[in-house]
Amino acid sequence: MTIKEIKAVLETPGTIFTAPNSMGEIVEFRCHGDVKYDDEKEDFIPTGIVGSIYKNDTGVKGMNVDRFGPTCVWLYTFDMLSQKSVGKIRYEDVEIVTHGGTTAETLERVRQS
């Protein structure tokens, strides 16, 4: 996949991918979509925008998305003492597992057709 294709897939909520962590271990992550409150429906509705990325095994360890840049996704979080931590995941290090519920094999067949 090209860098642009990987970026587009990571901008899709529900995407699962692997990438190395700061210690070089390959970790599985999930892209979570933002929600907003709809006064008319009196409920939260999905925005379709990825607002955070979480480690896929827990759903607890995650970071907010600052921006999707041309070569990497920039992340940030705050600890309980309001100290900001930042990080990034380079697109070239990403391997897509599922694309919003679509397997990587299916995504590859769609791309090639």
Protein backbone atom coordinates (compact mmCIF):
# COMPACT_ATOMS: atom_id res chain seq x y z
CA MET A 1 0.00 0.00 0.00
CA THR A 2 1.15 3.54 -0.61
CA ILE A 3 1.60 6.10 2.17
CA LYS A 4 -1.53 7.96 0.96
CA GLU A 5 -3.57 4.75 1.06
CA ILE A 6 -2.36 3.90 4.56
CA LYS A 7 -3.20 7.43 5.74
CA ALA A 8 -6.71 7.17 4.27
CA VAL A 9 -7.29 3.80 5.95
CA LEU A 10 -6.08 5.09 9.34
CA GLU A 11 -8.52 8.02 9.03
CA THR A 12 -11.37 5.46 9.01
CA PRO A 13 -12.91 4.59 12.41
CA GLY A 14 -12.74 0.90 13.28
CA THR A 15 -9.48 0.27 11.46
CA ILE A 16 -7.12 -2.14 13.21
CA PHE A 17 -3.41 -1.98 12.44
CA THR A 18 -0.03 -2.99 13.79
CA ALA A 19 2.97 -0.73 14.33
CA PRO A 20 6.09 -0.77 16.52
CA ASN A 21 5.96 0.89 19.93
CA SER A 22 8.81 2.96 21.39
CA MET A 23 10.61 -0.24 22.40
CA GLY A 24 10.36 -1.75 18.90
CA GLU A 25 7.69 -4.31 19.81
CA ILE A 26 4.90 -4.77 17.25
CA VAL A 27 1.59 -3.76 18.86
CA GLU A 28 -1.97 -3.94 17.54
CA PHE A 29 -3.94 -0.67 17.61
CA ARG A 30 -7.53 0.38 16.85
CA CYS A 31 -8.72 3.72 15.43
CA HIS A 32 -11.68 5.09 17.41
CA GLY A 33 -14.14 7.56 15.95
CA ASP A 34 -15.27 10.73 17.67
CA VAL A 35 -18.88 11.22 18.76
CA LYS A 36 -20.92 14.36 19.31
CA TYR A 37 -24.11 14.98 21.20
CA ASP A 38 -27.18 15.57 19.04
CA ASP A 39 -29.69 17.70 20.93
CA GLU A 40 -32.48 16.76 18.53
CA LYS A 41 -31.98 13.01 18.98
CA GLU A 42 -30.83 13.41 22.60
CA ASP A 43 -28.08 10.92 21.95
CA PHE A 44 -24.44 10.69 20.90
CA ILE A 45 -23.82 10.14 17.19
CA PRO A 46 -20.58 9.20 15.40
CA THR A 47 -18.82 11.96 13.47
CA GLY A 48 -16.90 9.62 11.16
CA ILE A 49 -13.60 11.23 12.21
CA VAL A 50 -10.86 9.31 14.03
CA GLY A 51 -10.17 11.14 17.28
CA SER A 52 -8.08 8.61 19.15
CA ILE A 53 -6.01 5.47 18.73
CA TYR A 54 -6.02 2.76 21.38
CA LYS A 55 -4.02 -0.37 22.02
CA ASN A 56 -6.41 -3.02 20.71
CA ASP A 57 -6.16 -5.49 23.60
CA THR A 58 -7.44 -3.23 26.37
CA GLY A 59 -9.33 -0.24 25.02
CA VAL A 60 -7.82 1.69 27.94
CA LYS A 61 -4.32 2.62 26.80
CA GLY A 62 -4.71 5.22 24.09
CA MET A 63 -3.83 8.65 22.81
CA ASN A 64 -5.76 11.42 21.11
CA VAL A 65 -5.09 12.23 17.45
CA ASP A 66 -3.55 15.67 17.01
CA ARG A 67 -3.38 15.44 13.21
CA PHE A 68 -2.81 13.14 10.28
CA GLY A 69 0.31 14.56 8.66
CA PRO A 70 1.83 13.65 5.29
CA THR A 71 4.17 10.97 6.73
CA CYS A 72 2.79 10.11 10.17
CA VAL A 73 -0.12 10.47 12.58
CA TRP A 74 0.66 12.76 15.54
CA LEU A 75 -0.73 11.73 18.95
CA TYR A 76 -0.98 13.34 22.38
CA THR A 77 -2.29 12.64 25.86
CA PHE A 78 -2.24 14.20 29.32
CA ASP A 79 -1.40 12.39 32.55
CA MET A 80 -3.18 13.02 35.86
CA LEU A 81 -0.81 15.92 36.62
CA SER A 82 -1.65 17.63 33.30
CA GLN A 83 1.72 16.78 31.77
CA LYS A 84 1.39 16.46 28.01
CA SER A 85 3.00 13.55 26.18
CA VAL A 86 3.29 13.42 22.41
CA GLY A 87 4.13 10.66 19.97
CA LYS A 88 3.83 9.70 16.35
CA ILE A 89 3.27 6.61 14.25
CA ARG A 90 4.94 6.62 10.84
CA TYR A 91 2.73 5.35 8.02
CA GLU A 92 5.63 3.35 6.57
CA ASP A 93 5.74 1.29 9.81
CA VAL A 94 2.01 0.47 9.71
CA GLU A 95 0.52 -2.83 8.58
CA ILE A 96 -3.26 -2.80 8.16
CA VAL A 97 -5.10 -5.73 9.78
CA THR A 98 -8.69 -4.61 9.08
CA HIS A 99 -10.08 -1.53 7.39
CA GLY A 100 -13.21 -0.56 9.31
CA GLY A 101 -14.27 -4.22 9.41
CA THR A 102 -12.74 -5.20 6.07
CA THR A 103 -9.82 -7.61 6.10
CA ALA A 104 -6.48 -6.48 4.69
CA GLU A 105 -6.77 -9.14 1.96
CA THR A 106 -10.12 -7.75 0.82
CA LEU A 107 -8.72 -4.22 0.90
CA GLU A 108 -5.80 -5.35 -1.30
CA ARG A 109 -8.15 -6.97 -3.83
CA VAL A 110 -10.24 -3.77 -3.99
CA ARG A 111 -7.13 -1.67 -4.48
CA GLN A 112 -5.87 -3.86 -7.32
CA SER A 113 -9.19 -3.95 -9.20
